[in-house]
Each structure stands twice: as C-alpha cells, then as structure tokens.
C-alpha cells in the first residue's frame, strides 16, 4: 500500500507473510526528496514499539524526547518508546534526498530476534552495526542500503530479502511466547484500564507482570496502559486531522485536561501545538498503514487479529 504526501515523499507498506506476523507488524519504505531552496522536511513520530531502520548514512537526524538531534546511523535500532521521536531530513551536497526501509516489531519479535532486554533500549536508538545484539541483521542492512547509494531498488524483491533474513532467525526459542502474545493482545483491549486488570487477564501476579513487561515491552504496565489509551485517541486524529480533539478522546479519559496531561507527557507539547505542525510523513503513513494493516499506528496492532 502506498501513501503520498505530495511530490517530495512516498510511503509504502507491506504486511509480513503468515509465519512472521506474530513478530512483525509491517515493513515500510519511505522515499523523500526536498529542494535545497525549500524548508527541510521535519516530523514527529508518536510512541510505538521497536523499529529497525536501514537508511542512507546520516540521511536524517533524529532525537527521542528532548535530547538534541543527531545523525541517524545506516542501521538504526530504536527500542520501544514512550516519548515522541523528532526527525529531520538533512542536506546533502546536491539535495535533501534519500529514504529508509523500516521493520516494525511486535514485542514478541524483539524477544524472538534479539537477546537484549527491551528496557535497556527503551526511548533510545542505537547503531545496529556497532551493537553486537543486532549482528544477525547487518548483512541485510548492507544489501538494503544499496537502494540509497545509487543502485535502483525493487520493492517486492526487497520485501522478499527482508523476509528471508527474518525467517532465518525463527528457530531461536522464546521463553513465555504465548504469554507475551496474550499480554500484547490484552494491552490493545480498550476495556483494560489498570495493571490489576491486565494481570488478571493474562493470569499473572503483579510482580511477575512487572518483570516481564520491562524485559520484553520496555516499560512497566502502568506506562504501557497510559500509552495505549493515548495512542487510541491520537490514531483517530491521524486518520482525520479535521477532527476536534474532544471527538477523538478515548473513553478512559476523565476529561480533556486528563488527555492534555498525557499528550504533553508522550509528545512533549500540547495537542493544540501538535495540530498546528506540518506532518508530511506521519499522516500519509497512518492512512497507508490503516488501509493495509487495519490500524493507523503500530502500537495498536493486535497479534491475535
């Protein structure tokens, strides 16, 4: 599925094949070009699960939360986030152009593919070519980067290349895989509002739930539940930016002030300030993702759907 944001940016999504769907939400290709005379392309990405991105070296700058922008490495691994990610397409000698291949991971995908606690990577991105935890995907990154260094790419061929690499990692055993899937599914249930309810749904005590949540999902249950109700509200706005915030509020919010507090926590700004921003990539991405995957944002994917 393709989403266009104008002449400068194209966003394309593909679903993983059946055997990979417990681990991967979507694959996506973003290609962008901005004239030197025009403004740089900037956007704010909402909190989400972990993502792998393969891109032209330092084609963009990124920052999570209020940290300063820094160059994104050619193989960028972003852990699960609870804060907005800012990114900006940077200038090359002839233009601002480039792109990235991305792989959105389910929590079970992180546990399956990497021997690395998710909370150690939460709210930060690292160079996958330098971190030994991600060594198995370095060759894939080298192959995909050819698209952004002059060799023409083919979308379907490159999706197949990604799937071949990930399929080769499926033999790795994951402890509590069924429990992780059940917990992921419970988190997207809008009727679950507390850690106690969450623990009861998956048959765990609170202490065990806390440990598993941090290790595989990156954050304690209370943070994840707050993030989920926020994402449900934000997704409505992303699909139709003409909506008033009051009409997008999740039923768990007591009032608009409650939502505004969460918005500031997760996005670092007020809803009004966010509504005024240009969103050259994220609105198109939300619409394209919704069309192919049934959810506007990655954090709302249900592994049992």
C-alpha atoms as a PDB file:
ATOM      1  CA  UNK A   1       0.000   0.000   0.000  1.00  0.00           C
ATOM      2  CA  UNK A   2       1.332   3.438  -0.968  1.00  0.00           C
ATOM      3  CA  UNK A   3       0.694   6.817   0.665  1.00  0.00           C
ATOM      4  CA  UNK A   4       1.752  10.092  -0.943  1.00  0.00           C
ATOM      5  CA  UNK A   5       2.422  13.280   0.986  1.00  0.00           C
ATOM      6  CA  UNK A   6       2.985  15.405  -2.120  1.00  0.00           C
ATOM      7  CA  UNK A   7       5.795  15.433  -4.676  1.00  0.00           C
ATOM      8  CA  UNK A   8       8.537  15.018  -2.071  1.00  0.00           C
ATOM      9  CA  UNK A   9       7.618  11.942  -0.035  1.00  0.00           C
ATOM     10  CA  UNK A  10       6.251   8.478  -0.761  1.00  0.00           C
ATOM     11  CA  UNK A  11       5.410   5.951   1.955  1.00  0.00           C
ATOM     12  CA  UNK A  12       4.807   2.284   1.082  1.00  0.00           C
ATOM     13  CA  UNK A  13       3.757  -0.528   3.435  1.00  0.00           C
ATOM     14  CA  UNK A  14       3.711  -4.312   3.143  1.00  0.00           C
ATOM     15  CA  UNK A  15       2.431  -6.975   5.525  1.00  0.00           C
ATOM     16  CA  UNK A  16       4.681  -9.853   6.580  1.00  0.00           C
ATOM     17  CA  UNK A  17       3.820 -13.346   5.469  1.00  0.00           C
ATOM     18  CA  UNK A  18       1.806 -15.508   7.847  1.00  0.00           C
ATOM     19  CA  UNK A  19       4.659 -17.164   9.738  1.00  0.00           C
ATOM     20  CA  UNK A  20       6.202 -13.776  10.568  1.00  0.00           C
ATOM     21  CA  UNK A  21       3.054 -11.939  11.670  1.00  0.00           C
ATOM     22  CA  UNK A  22       3.415 -12.811  15.375  1.00  0.00           C
ATOM     23  CA  UNK A  23       6.747 -10.964  15.291  1.00  0.00           C
ATOM     24  CA  UNK A  24       6.419  -8.160  12.723  1.00  0.00           C
ATOM     25  CA  UNK A  25       3.731  -5.506  12.280  1.00  0.00           C
ATOM     26  CA  UNK A  26       4.673  -4.135   8.844  1.00  0.00           C
ATOM     27  CA  UNK A  27       7.539  -3.389   6.502  1.00  0.00           C
ATOM     28  CA  UNK A  28       7.685   0.145   5.165  1.00  0.00           C
ATOM     29  CA  UNK A  29       9.692   2.117   2.638  1.00  0.00           C
ATOM     30  CA  UNK A  30       9.947   5.898   2.866  1.00  0.00           C
ATOM     31  CA  UNK A  31      11.496   7.829  -0.028  1.00  0.00           C
ATOM     32  CA  UNK A  32      11.857  11.591   0.173  1.00  0.00           C
ATOM     33  CA  UNK A  33      13.372  14.494  -1.691  1.00  0.00           C
ATOM     34  CA  UNK A  34      13.268  18.172  -0.783  1.00  0.00           C
ATOM     35  CA  UNK A  35      14.736  21.005  -2.835  1.00  0.00           C
ATOM     36  CA  UNK A  36      17.656  22.853  -1.281  1.00  0.00           C
ATOM     37  CA  UNK A  37      15.774  26.137  -1.522  1.00  0.00           C
ATOM     38  CA  UNK A  38      12.795  24.827   0.412  1.00  0.00           C
ATOM     39  CA  UNK A  39      12.390  24.089   4.095  1.00  0.00           C
ATOM     40  CA  UNK A  40      13.782  20.862   5.495  1.00  0.00           C
ATOM     41  CA  UNK A  41      11.300  18.023   5.954  1.00  0.00           C
ATOM     42  CA  UNK A  42      10.572  17.538   9.661  1.00  0.00           C
ATOM     43  CA  UNK A  43       8.037  15.460  11.569  1.00  0.00           C
ATOM     44  CA  UNK A  44       7.232  13.998  14.994  1.00  0.00           C
ATOM     45  CA  UNK A  45       6.699  10.271  15.436  1.00  0.00           C
ATOM     46  CA  UNK A  46       4.414   9.149  18.240  1.00  0.00           C
ATOM     47  CA  UNK A  47       5.455   6.491  20.807  1.00  0.00           C
ATOM     48  CA  UNK A  48       5.486   2.947  19.428  1.00  0.00           C
ATOM     49  CA  UNK A  49       7.054  -0.498  19.624  1.00  0.00           C
ATOM     50  CA  UNK A  50      10.601  -1.172  18.456  1.00  0.00           C
ATOM     51  CA  UNK A  51      11.648  -0.456  14.885  1.00  0.00           C
ATOM     52  CA  UNK A  52      14.612  -1.317  12.690  1.00  0.00           C
ATOM     53  CA  UNK A  53      15.530   1.216  10.020  1.00  0.00           C
ATOM     54  CA  UNK A  54      18.015   0.848   7.178  1.00  0.00           C
ATOM     55  CA  UNK A  55      18.840   4.135   5.528  1.00  0.00           C
ATOM     56  CA  UNK A  56      21.327   6.245   3.698  1.00  0.00           C
ATOM     57  CA  UNK A  57      24.140   7.159   6.081  1.00  0.00           C
ATOM     58  CA  UNK A  58      23.081  10.186   8.098  1.00  0.00           C
ATOM     59  CA  UNK A  59      20.303  10.971   5.635  1.00  0.00           C
ATOM     60  CA  UNK A  60      18.300  12.155   8.601  1.00  0.00           C
ATOM     61  CA  UNK A  61      18.727  13.406  12.125  1.00  0.00           C
ATOM     62  CA  UNK A  62      16.644  12.029  14.964  1.00  0.00           C
ATOM     63  CA  UNK A  63      16.024  12.632  18.643  1.00  0.00           C
ATOM     64  CA  UNK A  64      13.779  10.978  21.206  1.00  0.00           C
ATOM     65  CA  UNK A  65      12.146  13.235  23.759  1.00  0.00           C
ATOM     66  CA  UNK A  66      14.066  16.419  24.468  1.00  0.00           C
ATOM     67  CA  UNK A  67      17.524  15.132  23.516  1.00  0.00           C
ATOM     68  CA  UNK A  68      19.366  17.080  20.752  1.00  0.00           C
ATOM     69  CA  UNK A  69      19.095  15.921  17.157  1.00  0.00           C
ATOM     70  CA  UNK A  70      21.888  13.645  15.980  1.00  0.00           C
ATOM     71  CA  UNK A  71      22.650  11.794  12.777  1.00  0.00           C
ATOM     72  CA  UNK A  72      20.811   8.518  12.251  1.00  0.00           C
ATOM     73  CA  UNK A  73      23.182   5.618  11.514  1.00  0.00           C
ATOM     74  CA  UNK A  74      22.789   3.466   8.412  1.00  0.00           C
ATOM     75  CA  UNK A  75      21.287   0.674  10.554  1.00  0.00           C
ATOM     76  CA  UNK A  76      19.271   2.335  13.304  1.00  0.00           C
ATOM     77  CA  UNK A  77      17.641   0.242  16.020  1.00  0.00           C
ATOM     78  CA  UNK A  78      15.021   2.076  18.051  1.00  0.00           C
ATOM     79  CA  UNK A  79      13.675   0.371  21.139  1.00  0.00           C
ATOM     80  CA  UNK A  80      10.091   0.772  22.328  1.00  0.00           C
ATOM     81  CA  UNK A  81       9.296   4.419  23.005  1.00  0.00           C
ATOM     82  CA  UNK A  82       7.163   6.385  25.425  1.00  0.00           C
ATOM     83  CA  UNK A  83       8.168   9.777  24.018  1.00  0.00           C
ATOM     84  CA  UNK A  84       7.923  11.405  20.616  1.00  0.00           C
ATOM     85  CA  UNK A  85      10.737  10.941  18.118  1.00  0.00           C
ATOM     86  CA  UNK A  86      11.655  14.052  16.178  1.00  0.00           C
ATOM     87  CA  UNK A  87      13.335  13.656  12.825  1.00  0.00           C
ATOM     88  CA  UNK A  88      14.644  15.956  10.144  1.00  0.00           C
ATOM     89  CA  UNK A  89      15.891  15.195   6.649  1.00  0.00           C
ATOM     90  CA  UNK A  90      19.375  16.608   6.370  1.00  0.00           C
ATOM     91  CA  UNK A  91      21.131  18.255   3.466  1.00  0.00           C
ATOM     92  CA  UNK A  92      23.484  16.502   1.063  1.00  0.00           C
ATOM     93  CA  UNK A  93      25.689  18.405  -1.427  1.00  0.00           C
ATOM     94  CA  UNK A  94      23.044  18.351  -4.171  1.00  0.00           C
ATOM     95  CA  UNK A  95      19.715  17.991  -2.397  1.00  0.00           C
ATOM     96  CA  UNK A  96      17.860  16.642   0.600  1.00  0.00           C
ATOM     97  CA  UNK A  97      17.011  13.184  -0.604  1.00  0.00           C
ATOM     98  CA  UNK A  98      17.154   9.606   0.489  1.00  0.00           C
ATOM     99  CA  UNK A  99      14.980   7.133   2.243  1.00  0.00           C
ATOM    100  CA  UNK A 100      14.750   4.247   4.607  1.00  0.00           C
ATOM    101  CA  UNK A 101      13.465   0.725   4.840  1.00  0.00           C
ATOM    102  CA  UNK A 102      11.776   0.003   8.135  1.00  0.00           C
ATOM    103  CA  UNK A 103      10.657  -3.086  10.027  1.00  0.00           C
ATOM    104  CA  UNK A 104       8.117  -2.633  12.804  1.00  0.00           C
ATOM    105  CA  UNK A 105       8.463  -5.248  15.520  1.00  0.00           C
ATOM    106  CA  UNK A 106       5.910  -6.727  17.857  1.00  0.00           C
ATOM    107  CA  UNK A 107       7.184  -7.224  21.433  1.00  0.00           C
ATOM    108  CA  UNK A 108       7.413 -10.945  20.651  1.00  0.00           C
ATOM    109  CA  UNK A 109       9.541 -10.065  17.616  1.00  0.00           C
ATOM    110  CA  UNK A 110      12.046  -8.224  19.781  1.00  0.00           C
ATOM    111  CA  UNK A 111      12.236 -11.241  22.117  1.00  0.00           C
ATOM    112  CA  UNK A 112      12.495 -13.654  19.178  1.00  0.00           C
ATOM    113  CA  UNK A 113      15.178 -11.926  17.134  1.00  0.00           C
ATOM    114  CA  UNK A 114      17.390 -10.343  19.818  1.00  0.00           C
ATOM    115  CA  UNK A 115      18.966 -11.445  23.077  1.00  0.00           C
ATOM    116  CA  UNK A 116      18.622  -7.979  24.603  1.00  0.00           C
ATOM    117  CA  UNK A 117      16.270  -6.720  27.363  1.00  0.00           C
ATOM    118  CA  UNK A 118      13.871  -4.200  25.809  1.00  0.00           C
ATOM    119  CA  UNK A 119      14.094  -1.820  28.765  1.00  0.00           C
ATOM    120  CA  UNK A 120      17.814  -1.308  28.065  1.00  0.00           C
ATOM    121  CA  UNK A 121      16.858   0.167  24.666  1.00  0.00           C
ATOM    122  CA  UNK A 122      13.659   1.950  25.658  1.00  0.00           C
ATOM    123  CA  UNK A 123      13.401   5.575  24.500  1.00  0.00           C
ATOM    124  CA  UNK A 124      16.681   5.489  22.606  1.00  0.00           C
ATOM    125  CA  UNK A 125      18.130   4.468  19.260  1.00  0.00           C
ATOM    126  CA  UNK A 126      21.492   2.823  18.673  1.00  0.00           C
ATOM    127  CA  UNK A 127      23.789   1.922  15.789  1.00  0.00           C
ATOM    128  CA  UNK A 128      22.907  -1.648  14.892  1.00  0.00           C
ATOM    129  CA  UNK A 129      26.237  -2.046  13.120  1.00  0.00           C
ATOM    130  CA  UNK A 130      28.075  -1.340  16.371  1.00  0.00           C
ATOM    131  CA  UNK A 131      25.877  -3.157  18.904  1.00  0.00           C
ATOM    132  CA  UNK A 132      26.564  -6.916  18.981  1.00  0.00           C
ATOM    133  CA  UNK A 133      22.932  -7.677  19.850  1.00  0.00           C
ATOM    134  CA  UNK A 134      21.918  -6.894  16.247  1.00  0.00           C
ATOM    135  CA  UNK A 135      24.748  -8.553  14.357  1.00  0.00           C
ATOM    136  CA  UNK A 136      22.433 -11.002  12.576  1.00  0.00           C
ATOM    137  CA  UNK A 137      20.823  -8.170  10.583  1.00  0.00           C
ATOM    138  CA  UNK A 138      23.920  -6.290   9.471  1.00  0.00           C
ATOM    139  CA  UNK A 139      24.211  -8.047   6.121  1.00  0.00           C
ATOM    140  CA  UNK A 140      20.547  -7.262   5.410  1.00  0.00           C
ATOM    141  CA  UNK A 141      21.282  -3.622   6.122  1.00  0.00           C
ATOM    142  CA  UNK A 142      24.228  -3.611   3.736  1.00  0.00           C
ATOM    143  CA  UNK A 143      22.049  -5.070   0.970  1.00  0.00           C
ATOM    144  CA  UNK A 144      19.150  -2.650   1.501  1.00  0.00           C
ATOM    145  CA  UNK A 145      21.434   0.375   1.667  1.00  0.00           C
ATOM    146  CA  UNK A 146      22.320  -0.151  -1.996  1.00  0.00           C
ATOM    147  CA  UNK A 147      18.947   1.393  -2.876  1.00  0.00           C
ATOM    148  CA  UNK A 148      20.025   4.653  -1.273  1.00  0.00           C
ATOM    149  CA  UNK A 149      23.514   4.697  -2.786  1.00  0.00           C
ATOM    150  CA  UNK A 150      22.645   4.638  -6.452  1.00  0.00           C
ATOM    151  CA  UNK A 151      21.504   1.105  -7.288  1.00  0.00           C
ATOM    152  CA  UNK A 152      17.801   1.045  -8.277  1.00  0.00           C
ATOM    153  CA  UNK A 153      15.590  -0.859  -5.879  1.00  0.00           C
ATOM    154  CA  UNK A 154      12.618  -3.126  -6.371  1.00  0.00           C
ATOM    155  CA  UNK A 155      10.006  -3.051  -3.605  1.00  0.00           C
ATOM    156  CA  UNK A 156       8.794  -6.665  -3.836  1.00  0.00           C
ATOM    157  CA  UNK A 157      12.312  -8.057  -4.226  1.00  0.00           C
ATOM    158  CA  UNK A 158      13.484  -6.176  -1.160  1.00  0.00           C
ATOM    159  CA  UNK A 159      10.499  -7.308   0.920  1.00  0.00           C
ATOM    160  CA  UNK A 160      11.442 -10.881  -0.004  1.00  0.00           C
ATOM    161  CA  UNK A 161      15.037 -10.159   1.029  1.00  0.00           C
ATOM    162  CA  UNK A 162      13.873  -8.906   4.446  1.00  0.00           C
ATOM    163  CA  UNK A 163      11.628 -11.917   4.956  1.00  0.00           C
ATOM    164  CA  UNK A 164      14.368 -14.365   4.023  1.00  0.00           C
ATOM    165  CA  UNK A 165      16.622 -12.829   6.671  1.00  0.00           C
ATOM    166  CA  UNK A 166      13.954 -12.787   9.403  1.00  0.00           C
ATOM    167  CA  UNK A 167      12.797 -16.314   8.610  1.00  0.00           C
ATOM    168  CA  UNK A 168      16.337 -17.493   9.251  1.00  0.00           C
ATOM    169  CA  UNK A 169      16.010 -16.242  12.849  1.00  0.00           C
ATOM    170  CA  UNK A 170      12.791 -18.078  13.695  1.00  0.00           C
ATOM    171  CA  UNK A 171      14.497 -21.129  15.197  1.00  0.00           C
ATOM    172  CA  UNK A 172      15.519 -19.121  18.263  1.00  0.00           C
ATOM    173  CA  UNK A 173      13.412 -20.202  21.245  1.00  0.00           C
ATOM    174  CA  UNK A 174      11.470 -17.598  23.240  1.00  0.00           C
ATOM    175  CA  UNK A 175      10.507 -18.212  26.858  1.00  0.00           C
ATOM    176  CA  UNK A 176       6.840 -17.430  27.576  1.00  0.00           C
ATOM    177  CA  UNK A 177       6.000 -16.749  23.917  1.00  0.00           C
ATOM    178  CA  UNK A 178       2.286 -17.466  24.377  1.00  0.00           C
ATOM    179  CA  UNK A 179       2.187 -15.249  27.455  1.00  0.00           C
ATOM    180  CA  UNK A 180       3.888 -12.397  25.587  1.00  0.00           C
ATOM    181  CA  UNK A 181       1.328 -12.659  22.789  1.00  0.00           C
ATOM    182  CA  UNK A 182      -1.541 -12.717  25.276  1.00  0.00           C
ATOM    183  CA  UNK A 183      -0.166  -9.663  27.054  1.00  0.00           C
ATOM    184  CA  UNK A 184       0.290  -7.765  23.785  1.00  0.00           C
ATOM    185  CA  UNK A 185      -3.299  -8.535  22.830  1.00  0.00           C
ATOM    186  CA  UNK A 186      -4.565  -7.502  26.274  1.00  0.00           C
ATOM    187  CA  UNK A 187      -2.756  -4.175  26.034  1.00  0.00           C
ATOM    188  CA  UNK A 188      -4.745  -3.198  22.935  1.00  0.00           C
ATOM    189  CA  UNK A 189      -8.052  -4.043  24.618  1.00  0.00           C
ATOM    190  CA  UNK A 190      -9.692  -0.659  25.373  1.00  0.00           C
ATOM    191  CA  UNK A 191     -11.581  -2.163  28.315  1.00  0.00           C
ATOM    192  CA  UNK A 192      -8.422  -2.858  30.323  1.00  0.00           C
ATOM    193  CA  UNK A 193      -7.564   0.223  32.361  1.00  0.00           C
ATOM    194  CA  UNK A 194      -5.306  -0.962  35.189  1.00  0.00           C
ATOM    195  CA  UNK A 195      -2.316  -3.181  35.855  1.00  0.00           C
ATOM    196  CA  UNK A 196      -4.505  -5.307  38.118  1.00  0.00           C
ATOM    197  CA  UNK A 197      -6.944  -5.970  35.277  1.00  0.00           C
ATOM    198  CA  UNK A 198      -4.048  -6.672  32.938  1.00  0.00           C
ATOM    199  CA  UNK A 199      -2.509  -9.187  35.332  1.00  0.00           C
ATOM    200  CA  UNK A 200      -5.856 -10.928  35.803  1.00  0.00           C
ATOM    201  CA  UNK A 201      -6.391 -11.162  32.034  1.00  0.00           C
ATOM    202  CA  UNK A 202      -3.093 -12.993  31.459  1.00  0.00           C
ATOM    203  CA  UNK A 203      -3.083 -14.936  34.745  1.00  0.00           C
ATOM    204  CA  UNK A 204      -0.018 -13.363  36.354  1.00  0.00           C
ATOM    205  CA  UNK A 205       0.723 -11.756  39.681  1.00  0.00           C
ATOM    206  CA  UNK A 206       1.685  -8.082  39.604  1.00  0.00           C
ATOM    207  CA  UNK A 207       5.355  -8.608  40.405  1.00  0.00           C
ATOM    208  CA  UNK A 208       5.839 -11.154  37.603  1.00  0.00           C
ATOM    209  CA  UNK A 209       3.907  -8.929  35.216  1.00  0.00           C
ATOM    210  CA  UNK A 210       6.177  -6.002  36.050  1.00  0.00           C
ATOM    211  CA  UNK A 211       9.334  -8.016  35.318  1.00  0.00           C
ATOM    212  CA  UNK A 212       8.048  -9.406  32.022  1.00  0.00           C
ATOM    213  CA  UNK A 213       6.690  -6.039  30.949  1.00  0.00           C
ATOM    214  CA  UNK A 214      10.019  -4.290  31.417  1.00  0.00           C
ATOM    215  CA  UNK A 215      12.107  -7.059  29.845  1.00  0.00           C
ATOM    216  CA  UNK A 216      10.011  -7.612  26.711  1.00  0.00           C
ATOM    217  CA  UNK A 217       7.881  -4.459  26.332  1.00  0.00           C
ATOM    218  CA  UNK A 218      10.367  -1.915  27.648  1.00  0.00           C
ATOM    219  CA  UNK A 219       8.186  -0.226  30.279  1.00  0.00           C
ATOM    220  CA  UNK A 220       6.134  -1.050  33.385  1.00  0.00           C
ATOM    221  CA  UNK A 221       2.456  -1.934  32.819  1.00  0.00           C
ATOM    222  CA  UNK A 222       1.097   1.412  34.042  1.00  0.00           C
ATOM    223  CA  UNK A 223       3.152   3.324  31.462  1.00  0.00           C
ATOM    224  CA  UNK A 224       2.086   0.954  28.688  1.00  0.00           C
ATOM    225  CA  UNK A 225      -1.620   1.293  29.546  1.00  0.00           C
ATOM    226  CA  UNK A 226      -1.363   5.094  29.594  1.00  0.00           C
ATOM    227  CA  UNK A 227       0.443   4.979  26.256  1.00  0.00           C
ATOM    228  CA  UNK A 228      -2.207   2.736  24.726  1.00  0.00           C
ATOM    229  CA  UNK A 229      -5.157   4.978  25.646  1.00  0.00           C
ATOM    230  CA  UNK A 230      -3.196   7.947  24.284  1.00  0.00           C
ATOM    231  CA  UNK A 231      -2.461   6.138  21.015  1.00  0.00           C
ATOM    232  CA  UNK A 232      -6.119   5.212  20.562  1.00  0.00           C
ATOM    233  CA  UNK A 233      -7.004   8.914  20.718  1.00  0.00           C
ATOM    234  CA  UNK A 234      -4.098  10.043  18.543  1.00  0.00           C
ATOM    235  CA  UNK A 235      -4.891   7.452  15.866  1.00  0.00           C
ATOM    236  CA  UNK A 236      -8.327   8.979  15.317  1.00  0.00           C
ATOM    237  CA  UNK A 237      -6.777  12.384  14.749  1.00  0.00           C
ATOM    238  CA  UNK A 238      -4.104  10.996  12.402  1.00  0.00           C
ATOM    239  CA  UNK A 239      -6.782   9.462  10.199  1.00  0.00           C
ATOM    240  CA  UNK A 240      -8.813  12.677  10.120  1.00  0.00           C
ATOM    241  CA  UNK A 241      -6.863  15.807  11.181  1.00  0.00           C
ATOM    242  CA  UNK A 242     -10.015  17.898  10.715  1.00  0.00           C
ATOM    243  CA  UNK A 243     -11.482  16.354  13.893  1.00  0.00           C
ATOM    244  CA  UNK A 244     -11.624  18.276  17.136  1.00  0.00           C
ATOM    245  CA  UNK A 245      -9.647  16.651  19.943  1.00  0.00           C
ATOM    246  CA  UNK A 246     -12.769  16.203  22.053  1.00  0.00           C
ATOM    247  CA  UNK A 247     -14.228  13.892  19.428  1.00  0.00           C
ATOM    248  CA  UNK A 248     -11.115  11.667  19.439  1.00  0.00           C
ATOM    249  CA  UNK A 249     -10.798  11.092  23.187  1.00  0.00           C
ATOM    250  CA  UNK A 250     -10.621   7.508  24.388  1.00  0.00           C
ATOM    251  CA  UNK A 251     -13.378   6.552  26.844  1.00  0.00           C
ATOM    252  CA  UNK A 252     -10.792   6.067  29.616  1.00  0.00           C
ATOM    253  CA  UNK A 253     -10.095   9.801  29.767  1.00  0.00           C
ATOM    254  CA  UNK A 254     -11.998  11.578  32.529  1.00  0.00           C
ATOM    255  CA  UNK A 255     -11.950  14.908  30.703  1.00  0.00           C
ATOM    256  CA  UNK A 256      -9.926  16.939  28.220  1.00  0.00           C
ATOM    257  CA  UNK A 257      -7.448  18.101  30.886  1.00  0.00           C
ATOM    258  CA  UNK A 258      -6.627  14.450  31.595  1.00  0.00           C
ATOM    259  CA  UNK A 259      -5.869  13.918  27.902  1.00  0.00           C
ATOM    260  CA  UNK A 260      -3.769  17.090  27.674  1.00  0.00           C
ATOM    261  CA  UNK A 261      -1.555  15.879  30.525  1.00  0.00           C
ATOM    262  CA  UNK A 262      -0.935  12.594  28.717  1.00  0.00           C
ATOM    263  CA  UNK A 263      -0.339  14.396  25.436  1.00  0.00           C
ATOM    264  CA  UNK A 264       2.372  16.568  26.991  1.00  0.00           C
ATOM    265  CA  UNK A 265       3.934  13.511  28.608  1.00  0.00           C
ATOM    266  CA  UNK A 266       4.100  11.464  25.416  1.00  0.00           C
ATOM    267  CA  UNK A 267       4.564  14.110  22.726  1.00  0.00           C
ATOM    268  CA  UNK A 268       6.319  16.901  24.623  1.00  0.00           C
ATOM    269  CA  UNK A 269       3.789  19.532  23.551  1.00  0.00           C
ATOM    270  CA  UNK A 270       0.105  20.416  23.826  1.00  0.00           C
ATOM    271  CA  UNK A 271      -2.492  18.949  21.445  1.00  0.00           C
ATOM    272  CA  UNK A 272      -3.031  22.430  20.018  1.00  0.00           C
ATOM    273  CA  UNK A 273       0.656  22.893  19.242  1.00  0.00           C
ATOM    274  CA  UNK A 274       0.800  19.466  17.620  1.00  0.00           C
ATOM    275  CA  UNK A 275      -2.276  20.148  15.476  1.00  0.00           C
ATOM    276  CA  UNK A 276      -0.568  23.224  14.012  1.00  0.00           C
ATOM    277  CA  UNK A 277       2.545  21.327  12.928  1.00  0.00           C
ATOM    278  CA  UNK A 278       3.088  20.111   9.402  1.00  0.00           C
ATOM    279  CA  UNK A 279       3.042  16.299   9.323  1.00  0.00           C
ATOM    280  CA  UNK A 280       4.498  15.483   5.914  1.00  0.00           C
ATOM    281  CA  UNK A 281       5.169  11.810   6.655  1.00  0.00           C
ATOM    282  CA  UNK A 282       3.044  10.720   9.589  1.00  0.00           C
ATOM    283  CA  UNK A 283      -0.448  11.486   8.281  1.00  0.00           C
ATOM    284  CA  UNK A 284       0.236   9.688   4.986  1.00  0.00           C
ATOM    285  CA  UNK A 285       1.859   6.806   6.860  1.00  0.00           C
ATOM    286  CA  UNK A 286      -1.117   6.464   9.225  1.00  0.00           C
ATOM    287  CA  UNK A 287      -3.576   6.333   6.335  1.00  0.00           C
ATOM    288  CA  UNK A 288      -1.492   3.850   4.338  1.00  0.00           C
ATOM    289  CA  UNK A 289      -0.932   1.672   7.411  1.00  0.00           C
ATOM    290  CA  UNK A 290      -4.649   1.704   8.200  1.00  0.00           C
ATOM    291  CA  UNK A 291      -5.515   0.609   4.676  1.00  0.00           C
ATOM    292  CA  UNK A 292      -3.189  -2.380   4.663  1.00  0.00           C
ATOM    293  CA  UNK A 293      -2.950  -3.396   8.335  1.00  0.00           C
ATOM    294  CA  UNK A 294      -6.206  -2.168   9.861  1.00  0.00           C
ATOM    295  CA  UNK A 295      -4.514   0.114  12.420  1.00  0.00           C
ATOM    296  CA  UNK A 296      -3.237   3.650  11.968  1.00  0.00           C
ATOM    297  CA  UNK A 297      -0.351   3.301  14.416  1.00  0.00           C
ATOM    298  CA  UNK A 298       1.997   0.420  15.150  1.00  0.00           C
ATOM    299  CA  UNK A 299       1.280   0.285  18.877  1.00  0.00           C
ATOM    300  CA  UNK A 300      -2.345  -0.743  18.284  1.00  0.00           C
ATOM    301  CA  UNK A 301      -1.655  -3.906  16.285  1.00  0.00           C
ATOM    302  CA  UNK A 302      -3.276  -6.950  17.875  1.00  0.00           C
ATOM    303  CA  UNK A 303      -1.191 -10.113  17.381  1.00  0.00           C
ATOM    304  CA  UNK A 304      -4.337 -12.225  17.622  1.00  0.00           C
ATOM    305  CA  UNK A 305      -6.293 -10.289  14.984  1.00  0.00           C
END
